[in-house]
Amino acid sequence: DNLRKNFKNYIPVGAIVGILVLVEMALVIIGSGVAGSTAVPM
């Protein structure tokens, strides 16, 4: 309970990190769709 007292102070930093992770994932997905299949043959 003492650790959760200042939880709201960390929401902006957490939101920024979450948005950056989502942007990176979107760039990877879009980049893999644009570049086509470059997978190494099994």
ModelCIF file with pLDDT and N, C-alpha, C, O atoms, coordinates in Angstrom:
data_MODEL
#
_entry.id   MODEL 
#
_entity.id                         1 
_entity.type                       polymer 
_entity.pdbx_number_of_molecules   1 
#
_entity_poly.entity_id                      1 
_entity_poly.type                           'polypeptide(L)' 
_entity_poly.nstd_linkage                   no 
_entity_poly.nstd_monomer                   no 
_entity_poly.pdbx_seq_one_letter_code       DNLRKNFKNYIPVGAIVGILVLVEMALVIIGSGVAGSTAVPM 
_entity_poly.pdbx_seq_one_letter_code_can   DNLRKNFKNYIPVGAIVGILVLVEMALVIIGSGVAGSTAVPM 
_entity_poly.pdbx_strand_id                 A 
#
loop_
_entity_poly_seq.entity_id 
_entity_poly_seq.num 
_entity_poly_seq.mon_id 
_entity_poly_seq.hetero 
1 1  ASP n 
1 2  ASN n 
1 3  LEU n 
1 4  ARG n 
1 5  LYS n 
1 6  ASN n 
1 7  PHE n 
1 8  LYS n 
1 9  ASN n 
1 10 TYR n 
1 11 ILE n 
1 12 PRO n 
1 13 VAL n 
1 14 GLY n 
1 15 ALA n 
1 16 ILE n 
1 17 VAL n 
1 18 GLY n 
1 19 ILE n 
1 20 LEU n 
1 21 VAL n 
1 22 LEU n 
1 23 VAL n 
1 24 GLU n 
1 25 MET n 
1 26 ALA n 
1 27 LEU n 
1 28 VAL n 
1 29 ILE n 
1 30 ILE n 
1 31 GLY n 
1 32 SER n 
1 33 GLY n 
1 34 VAL n 
1 35 ALA n 
1 36 GLY n 
1 37 SER n 
1 38 THR n 
1 39 ALA n 
1 40 VAL n 
1 41 PRO n 
1 42 MET n 
#
_struct_asym.id          A 
_struct_asym.entity_id   1 
#
loop_
_ma_qa_metric.id 
_ma_qa_metric.mode 
_ma_qa_metric.name 
_ma_qa_metric.software_group_id 
_ma_qa_metric.type 
1 global pLDDT . pLDDT 
2 local  pLDDT . pLDDT 
#
_ma_qa_metric_global.metric_id      1 
_ma_qa_metric_global.metric_value   75.07 
_ma_qa_metric_global.model_id       1 
_ma_qa_metric_global.ordinal_id     1 
#
loop_
_ma_qa_metric_local.label_asym_id 
_ma_qa_metric_local.label_comp_id 
_ma_qa_metric_local.label_seq_id 
_ma_qa_metric_local.metric_id 
_ma_qa_metric_local.metric_value 
_ma_qa_metric_local.model_id 
_ma_qa_metric_local.ordinal_id 
A ASP 1  2 68.00 1 1  
A ASN 2  2 70.00 1 2  
A LEU 3  2 66.00 1 3  
A ARG 4  2 69.00 1 4  
A LYS 5  2 74.00 1 5  
A ASN 6  2 73.00 1 6  
A PHE 7  2 72.00 1 7  
A LYS 8  2 78.00 1 8  
A ASN 9  2 80.00 1 9  
A TYR 10 2 77.00 1 10 
A ILE 11 2 82.00 1 11 
A PRO 12 2 86.00 1 12 
A VAL 13 2 85.00 1 13 
A GLY 14 2 81.00 1 14 
A ALA 15 2 87.00 1 15 
A ILE 16 2 91.00 1 16 
A VAL 17 2 86.00 1 17 
A GLY 18 2 84.00 1 18 
A ILE 19 2 91.00 1 19 
A LEU 20 2 90.00 1 20 
A VAL 21 2 83.00 1 21 
A LEU 22 2 87.00 1 22 
A VAL 23 2 88.00 1 23 
A GLU 24 2 85.00 1 24 
A MET 25 2 79.00 1 25 
A ALA 26 2 84.00 1 26 
A LEU 27 2 84.00 1 27 
A VAL 28 2 78.00 1 28 
A ILE 29 2 77.00 1 29 
A ILE 30 2 82.00 1 30 
A GLY 31 2 76.00 1 31 
A SER 32 2 68.00 1 32 
A GLY 33 2 68.00 1 33 
A VAL 34 2 66.00 1 34 
A ALA 35 2 60.00 1 35 
A GLY 36 2 58.00 1 36 
A SER 37 2 56.00 1 37 
A THR 38 2 55.00 1 38 
A ALA 39 2 57.00 1 39 
A VAL 40 2 58.00 1 40 
A PRO 41 2 57.00 1 41 
A MET 42 2 57.00 1 42 
#
loop_
_atom_site.group_PDB 
_atom_site.id 
_atom_site.type_symbol 
_atom_site.label_atom_id 
_atom_site.label_alt_id 
_atom_site.label_comp_id 
_atom_site.label_asym_id 
_atom_site.label_entity_id 
_atom_site.label_seq_id 
_atom_site.pdbx_PDB_ins_code 
_atom_site.Cartn_x 
_atom_site.Cartn_y 
_atom_site.Cartn_z 
_atom_site.occupancy 
_atom_site.B_iso_or_equiv 
_atom_site.pdbx_formal_charge 
_atom_site.auth_seq_id 
_atom_site.auth_comp_id 
_atom_site.auth_asym_id 
_atom_site.auth_atom_id 
_atom_site.pdbx_PDB_model_num 
ATOM 1   N N  . ASP A 1 1  ? 0.833  -1.205  0.000   1.00 68.00 ? 1  ASP A N  1 
ATOM 2   C CA . ASP A 1 1  ? 0.000  0.000   0.000   1.00 68.00 ? 1  ASP A CA 1 
ATOM 3   C C  . ASP A 1 1  ? 0.867  1.255   0.000   1.00 68.00 ? 1  ASP A C  1 
ATOM 4   O O  . ASP A 1 1  ? 0.536  2.243   -0.655  1.00 68.00 ? 1  ASP A O  1 
ATOM 5   N N  . ASN A 1 2  ? 1.977  1.214   0.734   1.00 70.00 ? 2  ASN A N  1 
ATOM 6   C CA . ASN A 1 2  ? 2.888  2.358   0.728   1.00 70.00 ? 2  ASN A CA 1 
ATOM 7   C C  . ASN A 1 2  ? 3.556  2.529   -0.640  1.00 70.00 ? 2  ASN A C  1 
ATOM 8   O O  . ASN A 1 2  ? 3.839  3.652   -1.056  1.00 70.00 ? 2  ASN A O  1 
ATOM 9   N N  . LEU A 1 3  ? 3.806  1.424   -1.334  1.00 66.00 ? 3  LEU A N  1 
ATOM 10  C CA . LEU A 1 3  ? 4.421  1.517   -2.652  1.00 66.00 ? 3  LEU A CA 1 
ATOM 11  C C  . LEU A 1 3  ? 3.460  2.071   -3.694  1.00 66.00 ? 3  LEU A C  1 
ATOM 12  O O  . LEU A 1 3  ? 3.888  2.672   -4.680  1.00 66.00 ? 3  LEU A O  1 
ATOM 13  N N  . ARG A 1 4  ? 2.154  1.870   -3.478  1.00 69.00 ? 4  ARG A N  1 
ATOM 14  C CA . ARG A 1 4  ? 1.163  2.327   -4.458  1.00 69.00 ? 4  ARG A CA 1 
ATOM 15  C C  . ARG A 1 4  ? 0.731  3.780   -4.239  1.00 69.00 ? 4  ARG A C  1 
ATOM 16  O O  . ARG A 1 4  ? -0.067 4.299   -5.019  1.00 69.00 ? 4  ARG A O  1 
ATOM 17  N N  . LYS A 1 5  ? 1.230  4.436   -3.215  1.00 74.00 ? 5  LYS A N  1 
ATOM 18  C CA . LYS A 1 5  ? 0.779  5.807   -2.931  1.00 74.00 ? 5  LYS A CA 1 
ATOM 19  C C  . LYS A 1 5  ? 1.120  6.766   -4.067  1.00 74.00 ? 5  LYS A C  1 
ATOM 20  O O  . LYS A 1 5  ? 0.288  7.584   -4.460  1.00 74.00 ? 5  LYS A O  1 
ATOM 21  N N  . ASN A 1 6  ? 2.327  6.671   -4.589  1.00 73.00 ? 6  ASN A N  1 
ATOM 22  C CA . ASN A 1 6  ? 2.770  7.596   -5.641  1.00 73.00 ? 6  ASN A CA 1 
ATOM 23  C C  . ASN A 1 6  ? 2.656  6.973   -7.027  1.00 73.00 ? 6  ASN A C  1 
ATOM 24  O O  . ASN A 1 6  ? 3.405  7.340   -7.932  1.00 73.00 ? 6  ASN A O  1 
ATOM 25  N N  . PHE A 1 7  ? 1.727  6.036   -7.202  1.00 72.00 ? 7  PHE A N  1 
ATOM 26  C CA . PHE A 1 7  ? 1.593  5.332   -8.471  1.00 72.00 ? 7  PHE A CA 1 
ATOM 27  C C  . PHE A 1 7  ? 1.186  6.270   -9.599  1.00 72.00 ? 7  PHE A C  1 
ATOM 28  O O  . PHE A 1 7  ? 1.652  6.116   -10.728 1.00 72.00 ? 7  PHE A O  1 
ATOM 29  N N  . LYS A 1 8  ? 0.332  7.229   -9.312  1.00 78.00 ? 8  LYS A N  1 
ATOM 30  C CA . LYS A 1 8  ? -0.169 8.125   -10.363 1.00 78.00 ? 8  LYS A CA 1 
ATOM 31  C C  . LYS A 1 8  ? 0.926  9.034   -10.910 1.00 78.00 ? 8  LYS A C  1 
ATOM 32  O O  . LYS A 1 8  ? 0.803  9.544   -12.023 1.00 78.00 ? 8  LYS A O  1 
ATOM 33  N N  . ASN A 1 9  ? 1.988  9.243   -10.149 1.00 80.00 ? 9  ASN A N  1 
ATOM 34  C CA . ASN A 1 9  ? 3.079  10.082  -10.640 1.00 80.00 ? 9  ASN A CA 1 
ATOM 35  C C  . ASN A 1 9  ? 3.837  9.427   -11.797 1.00 80.00 ? 9  ASN A C  1 
ATOM 36  O O  . ASN A 1 9  ? 4.465  10.114  -12.602 1.00 80.00 ? 9  ASN A O  1 
ATOM 37  N N  . TYR A 1 10 ? 3.774  8.090   -11.876 1.00 77.00 ? 10 TYR A N  1 
ATOM 38  C CA . TYR A 1 10 ? 4.514  7.363   -12.901 1.00 77.00 ? 10 TYR A CA 1 
ATOM 39  C C  . TYR A 1 10 ? 3.686  7.098   -14.152 1.00 77.00 ? 10 TYR A C  1 
ATOM 40  O O  . TYR A 1 10 ? 4.211  6.533   -15.112 1.00 77.00 ? 10 TYR A O  1 
ATOM 41  N N  . ILE A 1 11 ? 2.425  7.479   -14.178 1.00 82.00 ? 11 ILE A N  1 
ATOM 42  C CA . ILE A 1 11 ? 1.573  7.211   -15.334 1.00 82.00 ? 11 ILE A CA 1 
ATOM 43  C C  . ILE A 1 11 ? 2.075  7.906   -16.600 1.00 82.00 ? 11 ILE A C  1 
ATOM 44  O O  . ILE A 1 11 ? 2.081  7.268   -17.653 1.00 82.00 ? 11 ILE A O  1 
ATOM 45  N N  . PRO A 1 12 ? 2.498  9.178   -16.564 1.00 86.00 ? 12 PRO A N  1 
ATOM 46  C CA . PRO A 1 12 ? 2.988  9.798   -17.814 1.00 86.00 ? 12 PRO A CA 1 
ATOM 47  C C  . PRO A 1 12 ? 4.208  9.082   -18.401 1.00 86.00 ? 12 PRO A C  1 
ATOM 48  O O  . PRO A 1 12 ? 4.278  8.874   -19.612 1.00 86.00 ? 12 PRO A O  1 
ATOM 49  N N  . VAL A 1 13 ? 5.155  8.709   -17.563 1.00 85.00 ? 13 VAL A N  1 
ATOM 50  C CA . VAL A 1 13 ? 6.349  8.013   -18.062 1.00 85.00 ? 13 VAL A CA 1 
ATOM 51  C C  . VAL A 1 13 ? 5.960  6.647   -18.615 1.00 85.00 ? 13 VAL A C  1 
ATOM 52  O O  . VAL A 1 13 ? 6.452  6.243   -19.669 1.00 85.00 ? 13 VAL A O  1 
ATOM 53  N N  . GLY A 1 14 ? 5.084  5.934   -17.916 1.00 81.00 ? 14 GLY A N  1 
ATOM 54  C CA . GLY A 1 14 ? 4.623  4.636   -18.399 1.00 81.00 ? 14 GLY A CA 1 
ATOM 55  C C  . GLY A 1 14 ? 3.879  4.745   -19.716 1.00 81.00 ? 14 GLY A C  1 
ATOM 56  O O  . GLY A 1 14 ? 4.029  3.893   -20.592 1.00 81.00 ? 14 GLY A O  1 
ATOM 57  N N  . ALA A 1 15 ? 3.068  5.803   -19.862 1.00 87.00 ? 15 ALA A N  1 
ATOM 58  C CA . ALA A 1 15 ? 2.330  6.002   -21.113 1.00 87.00 ? 15 ALA A CA 1 
ATOM 59  C C  . ALA A 1 15 ? 3.287  6.290   -22.272 1.00 87.00 ? 15 ALA A C  1 
ATOM 60  O O  . ALA A 1 15 ? 3.094  5.780   -23.376 1.00 87.00 ? 15 ALA A O  1 
ATOM 61  N N  . ILE A 1 16 ? 4.306  7.095   -22.029 1.00 91.00 ? 16 ILE A N  1 
ATOM 62  C CA . ILE A 1 16 ? 5.285  7.403   -23.087 1.00 91.00 ? 16 ILE A CA 1 
ATOM 63  C C  . ILE A 1 16 ? 6.027  6.135   -23.520 1.00 91.00 ? 16 ILE A C  1 
ATOM 64  O O  . ILE A 1 16 ? 6.206  5.887   -24.712 1.00 91.00 ? 16 ILE A O  1 
ATOM 65  N N  . VAL A 1 17 ? 6.455  5.337   -22.538 1.00 86.00 ? 17 VAL A N  1 
ATOM 66  C CA . VAL A 1 17 ? 7.164  4.094   -22.871 1.00 86.00 ? 17 VAL A CA 1 
ATOM 67  C C  . VAL A 1 17 ? 6.235  3.140   -23.625 1.00 86.00 ? 17 VAL A C  1 
ATOM 68  O O  . VAL A 1 17 ? 6.661  2.499   -24.586 1.00 86.00 ? 17 VAL A O  1 
ATOM 69  N N  . GLY A 1 18 ? 4.978  3.041   -23.203 1.00 84.00 ? 18 GLY A N  1 
ATOM 70  C CA . GLY A 1 18 ? 4.021  2.173   -23.891 1.00 84.00 ? 18 GLY A CA 1 
ATOM 71  C C  . GLY A 1 18 ? 3.774  2.613   -25.327 1.00 84.00 ? 18 GLY A C  1 
ATOM 72  O O  . GLY A 1 18 ? 3.694  1.778   -26.228 1.00 84.00 ? 18 GLY A O  1 
ATOM 73  N N  . ILE A 1 19 ? 3.653  3.902   -25.542 1.00 91.00 ? 19 ILE A N  1 
ATOM 74  C CA . ILE A 1 19 ? 3.446  4.420   -26.905 1.00 91.00 ? 19 ILE A CA 1 
ATOM 75  C C  . ILE A 1 19 ? 4.669  4.145   -27.775 1.00 91.00 ? 19 ILE A C  1 
ATOM 76  O O  . ILE A 1 19 ? 4.532  3.775   -28.941 1.00 91.00 ? 19 ILE A O  1 
ATOM 77  N N  . LEU A 1 20 ? 5.863  4.327   -27.212 1.00 90.00 ? 20 LEU A N  1 
ATOM 78  C CA . LEU A 1 20 ? 7.085  4.034   -27.981 1.00 90.00 ? 20 LEU A CA 1 
ATOM 79  C C  . LEU A 1 20 ? 7.162  2.557   -28.364 1.00 90.00 ? 20 LEU A C  1 
ATOM 80  O O  . LEU A 1 20 ? 7.551  2.225   -29.484 1.00 90.00 ? 20 LEU A O  1 
ATOM 81  N N  . VAL A 1 21 ? 6.793  1.671   -27.438 1.00 83.00 ? 21 VAL A N  1 
ATOM 82  C CA . VAL A 1 21 ? 6.812  0.237   -27.751 1.00 83.00 ? 21 VAL A CA 1 
ATOM 83  C C  . VAL A 1 21 ? 5.803  -0.080  -28.854 1.00 83.00 ? 21 VAL A C  1 
ATOM 84  O O  . VAL A 1 21 ? 6.104  -0.853  -29.764 1.00 83.00 ? 21 VAL A O  1 
ATOM 85  N N  . LEU A 1 22 ? 4.609  0.510   -28.778 1.00 87.00 ? 22 LEU A N  1 
ATOM 86  C CA . LEU A 1 22 ? 3.607  0.284   -29.825 1.00 87.00 ? 22 LEU A CA 1 
ATOM 87  C C  . LEU A 1 22 ? 4.079  0.801   -31.177 1.00 87.00 ? 22 LEU A C  1 
ATOM 88  O O  . LEU A 1 22 ? 3.855  0.153   -32.200 1.00 87.00 ? 22 LEU A O  1 
ATOM 89  N N  . VAL A 1 23 ? 4.733  1.964   -31.194 1.00 88.00 ? 23 VAL A N  1 
ATOM 90  C CA . VAL A 1 23 ? 5.248  2.508   -32.456 1.00 88.00 ? 23 VAL A CA 1 
ATOM 91  C C  . VAL A 1 23 ? 6.328  1.590   -33.034 1.00 88.00 ? 23 VAL A C  1 
ATOM 92  O O  . VAL A 1 23 ? 6.353  1.342   -34.240 1.00 88.00 ? 23 VAL A O  1 
ATOM 93  N N  . GLU A 1 24 ? 7.222  1.085   -32.171 1.00 85.00 ? 24 GLU A N  1 
ATOM 94  C CA . GLU A 1 24 ? 8.258  0.178   -32.654 1.00 85.00 ? 24 GLU A CA 1 
ATOM 95  C C  . GLU A 1 24 ? 7.652  -1.102  -33.223 1.00 85.00 ? 24 GLU A C  1 
ATOM 96  O O  . GLU A 1 24 ? 8.080  -1.575  -34.275 1.00 85.00 ? 24 GLU A O  1 
ATOM 97  N N  . MET A 1 25 ? 6.661  -1.665  -32.537 1.00 79.00 ? 25 MET A N  1 
ATOM 98  C CA . MET A 1 25 ? 6.020  -2.881  -33.035 1.00 79.00 ? 25 MET A CA 1 
ATOM 99  C C  . MET A 1 25 ? 5.313  -2.627  -34.362 1.00 79.00 ? 25 MET A C  1 
ATOM 100 O O  . MET A 1 25 ? 5.362  -3.462  -35.266 1.00 79.00 ? 25 MET A O  1 
ATOM 101 N N  . ALA A 1 26 ? 4.652  -1.467  -34.478 1.00 84.00 ? 26 ALA A N  1 
ATOM 102 C CA . ALA A 1 26 ? 3.975  -1.142  -35.735 1.00 84.00 ? 26 ALA A CA 1 
ATOM 103 C C  . ALA A 1 26 ? 4.983  -0.988  -36.869 1.00 84.00 ? 26 ALA A C  1 
ATOM 104 O O  . ALA A 1 26 ? 4.727  -1.436  -37.987 1.00 84.00 ? 26 ALA A O  1 
ATOM 105 N N  . LEU A 1 27 ? 6.130  -0.356  -36.593 1.00 84.00 ? 27 LEU A N  1 
ATOM 106 C CA . LEU A 1 27 ? 7.153  -0.199  -37.625 1.00 84.00 ? 27 LEU A CA 1 
ATOM 107 C C  . LEU A 1 27 ? 7.712  -1.545  -38.066 1.00 84.00 ? 27 LEU A C  1 
ATOM 108 O O  . LEU A 1 27 ? 7.965  -1.751  -39.253 1.00 84.00 ? 27 LEU A O  1 
ATOM 109 N N  . VAL A 1 28 ? 7.908  -2.463  -37.120 1.00 78.00 ? 28 VAL A N  1 
ATOM 110 C CA . VAL A 1 28 ? 8.417  -3.789  -37.480 1.00 78.00 ? 28 VAL A CA 1 
ATOM 111 C C  . VAL A 1 28 ? 7.402  -4.531  -38.338 1.00 78.00 ? 28 VAL A C  1 
ATOM 112 O O  . VAL A 1 28 ? 7.769  -5.152  -39.335 1.00 78.00 ? 28 VAL A O  1 
ATOM 113 N N  . ILE A 1 29 ? 6.119  -4.472  -37.955 1.00 77.00 ? 29 ILE A N  1 
ATOM 114 C CA . ILE A 1 29 ? 5.083  -5.181  -38.721 1.00 77.00 ? 29 ILE A CA 1 
ATOM 115 C C  . ILE A 1 29 ? 4.929  -4.581  -40.112 1.00 77.00 ? 29 ILE A C  1 
ATOM 116 O O  . ILE A 1 29 ? 4.834  -5.310  -41.099 1.00 77.00 ? 29 ILE A O  1 
ATOM 117 N N  . ILE A 1 30 ? 4.903  -3.248  -40.190 1.00 82.00 ? 30 ILE A N  1 
ATOM 118 C CA . ILE A 1 30 ? 4.769  -2.596  -41.491 1.00 82.00 ? 30 ILE A CA 1 
ATOM 119 C C  . ILE A 1 30 ? 6.002  -2.857  -42.353 1.00 82.00 ? 30 ILE A C  1 
ATOM 120 O O  . ILE A 1 30 ? 5.889  -3.096  -43.555 1.00 82.00 ? 30 ILE A O  1 
ATOM 121 N N  . GLY A 1 31 ? 7.191  -2.809  -41.722 1.00 76.00 ? 31 GLY A N  1 
ATOM 122 C CA . GLY A 1 31 ? 8.425  -3.058  -42.470 1.00 76.00 ? 31 GLY A CA 1 
ATOM 123 C C  . GLY A 1 31 ? 8.503  -4.477  -42.997 1.00 76.00 ? 31 GLY A C  1 
ATOM 124 O O  . GLY A 1 31 ? 8.991  -4.698  -44.105 1.00 76.00 ? 31 GLY A O  1 
ATOM 125 N N  . SER A 1 32 ? 8.029  -5.442  -42.224 1.00 68.00 ? 32 SER A N  1 
ATOM 126 C CA . SER A 1 32 ? 8.061  -6.823  -42.707 1.00 68.00 ? 32 SER A CA 1 
ATOM 127 C C  . SER A 1 32 ? 7.037  -7.030  -43.823 1.00 68.00 ? 32 SER A C  1 
ATOM 128 O O  . SER A 1 32 ? 7.254  -7.857  -44.709 1.00 68.00 ? 32 SER A O  1 
ATOM 129 N N  . GLY A 1 33 ? 5.925  -6.291  -43.792 1.00 68.00 ? 33 GLY A N  1 
ATOM 130 C CA . GLY A 1 33 ? 4.936  -6.417  -44.863 1.00 68.00 ? 33 GLY A CA 1 
ATOM 131 C C  . GLY A 1 33 ? 5.397  -5.756  -46.142 1.00 68.00 ? 33 GLY A C  1 
ATOM 132 O O  . GLY A 1 33 ? 5.107  -6.249  -47.232 1.00 68.00 ? 33 GLY A O  1 
ATOM 133 N N  . VAL A 1 34 ? 6.113  -4.643  -46.030 1.00 66.00 ? 34 VAL A N  1 
ATOM 134 C CA . VAL A 1 34 ? 6.575  -3.922  -47.217 1.00 66.00 ? 34 VAL A CA 1 
ATOM 135 C C  . VAL A 1 34 ? 7.752  -4.644  -47.864 1.00 66.00 ? 34 VAL A C  1 
ATOM 136 O O  . VAL A 1 34 ? 7.818  -4.763  -49.088 1.00 66.00 ? 34 VAL A O  1 
ATOM 137 N N  . ALA A 1 35 ? 8.679  -5.124  -47.039 1.00 60.00 ? 35 ALA A N  1 
ATOM 138 C CA . ALA A 1 35 ? 9.886  -5.753  -47.570 1.00 60.00 ? 35 ALA A CA 1 
ATOM 139 C C  . ALA A 1 35 ? 9.600  -7.128  -48.147 1.00 60.00 ? 35 ALA A C  1 
ATOM 140 O O  . ALA A 1 35 ? 10.399 -7.645  -48.928 1.00 60.00 ? 35 ALA A O  1 
ATOM 141 N N  . GLY A 1 36 ? 8.499  -7.716  -47.785 1.00 58.00 ? 36 GLY A N  1 
ATOM 142 C CA . GLY A 1 36 ? 8.187  -9.060  -48.280 1.00 58.00 ? 36 GLY A CA 1 
ATOM 143 C C  . GLY A 1 36 ? 8.813  -10.115 -47.401 1.00 58.00 ? 36 GLY A C  1 
ATOM 144 O O  . GLY A 1 36 ? 9.361  -9.817  -46.340 1.00 58.00 ? 36 GLY A O  1 
ATOM 145 N N  . SER A 1 37 ? 8.729  -11.321 -47.843 1.00 56.00 ? 37 SER A N  1 
ATOM 146 C CA . SER A 1 37 ? 9.237  -12.442 -47.064 1.00 56.00 ? 37 SER A CA 1 
ATOM 147 C C  . SER A 1 37 ? 10.726 -12.600 -47.307 1.00 56.00 ? 37 SER A C  1 
ATOM 148 O O  . SER A 1 37 ? 11.144 -12.976 -48.402 1.00 56.00 ? 37 SER A O  1 
ATOM 149 N N  . THR A 1 38 ? 11.523 -12.317 -46.295 1.00 55.00 ? 38 THR A N  1 
ATOM 150 C CA . THR A 1 38 ? 12.978 -12.498 -46.381 1.00 55.00 ? 38 THR A CA 1 
ATOM 151 C C  . THR A 1 38 ? 13.420 -13.612 -45.442 1.00 55.00 ? 38 THR A C  1 
ATOM 152 O O  . THR A 1 38 ? 14.559 -13.622 -44.976 1.00 55.00 ? 38 THR A O  1 
ATOM 153 N N  . ALA A 1 39 ? 12.524 -14.543 -45.168 1.00 57.00 ? 39 ALA A N  1 
ATOM 154 C CA . ALA A 1 39 ? 12.852 -15.613 -44.236 1.00 57.00 ? 39 ALA A CA 1 
ATOM 155 C C  . ALA A 1 39 ? 13.847 -16.573 -44.869 1.00 57.00 ? 39 ALA A C  1 
ATOM 156 O O  . ALA A 1 39 ? 13.816 -16.836 -46.072 1.00 57.00 ? 39 ALA A O  1 
ATOM 157 N N  . VAL A 1 40 ? 14.722 -17.083 -44.028 1.00 58.00 ? 40 VAL A N  1 
ATOM 158 C CA . VAL A 1 40 ? 15.702 -18.059 -44.477 1.00 58.00 ? 40 VAL A CA 1 
ATOM 159 C C  . VAL A 1 40 ? 14.975 -19.384 -44.710 1.00 58.00 ? 40 VAL A C  1 
ATOM 160 O O  . VAL A 1 40 ? 14.157 -19.782 -43.881 1.00 58.00 ? 40 VAL A O  1 
ATOM 161 N N  . PRO A 1 41 ? 15.251 -20.065 -45.802 1.00 57.00 ? 41 PRO A N  1 
ATOM 162 C CA . PRO A 1 41 ? 14.564 -21.338 -46.029 1.00 57.00 ? 41 PRO A CA 1 
ATOM 163 C C  . PRO A 1 41 ? 14.878 -22.334 -44.924 1.00 57.00 ? 41 PRO A C  1 
ATOM 164 O O  . PRO A 1 41 ? 15.999 -22.399 -44.420 1.00 57.00 ? 41 PRO A O  1 
ATOM 165 N N  . MET A 1 42 ? 13.863 -23.106 -44.560 1.00 57.00 ? 42 MET A N  1 
ATOM 166 C CA . MET A 1 42 ? 13.989 -24.064 -43.466 1.00 57.00 ? 42 MET A CA 1 
ATOM 167 C C  . MET A 1 42 ? 14.905 -25.218 -43.891 1.00 57.00 ? 42 MET A C  1 
ATOM 168 O O  . MET A 1 42 ? 15.143 -26.137 -43.107 1.00 57.00 ? 42 MET A O  1 
#
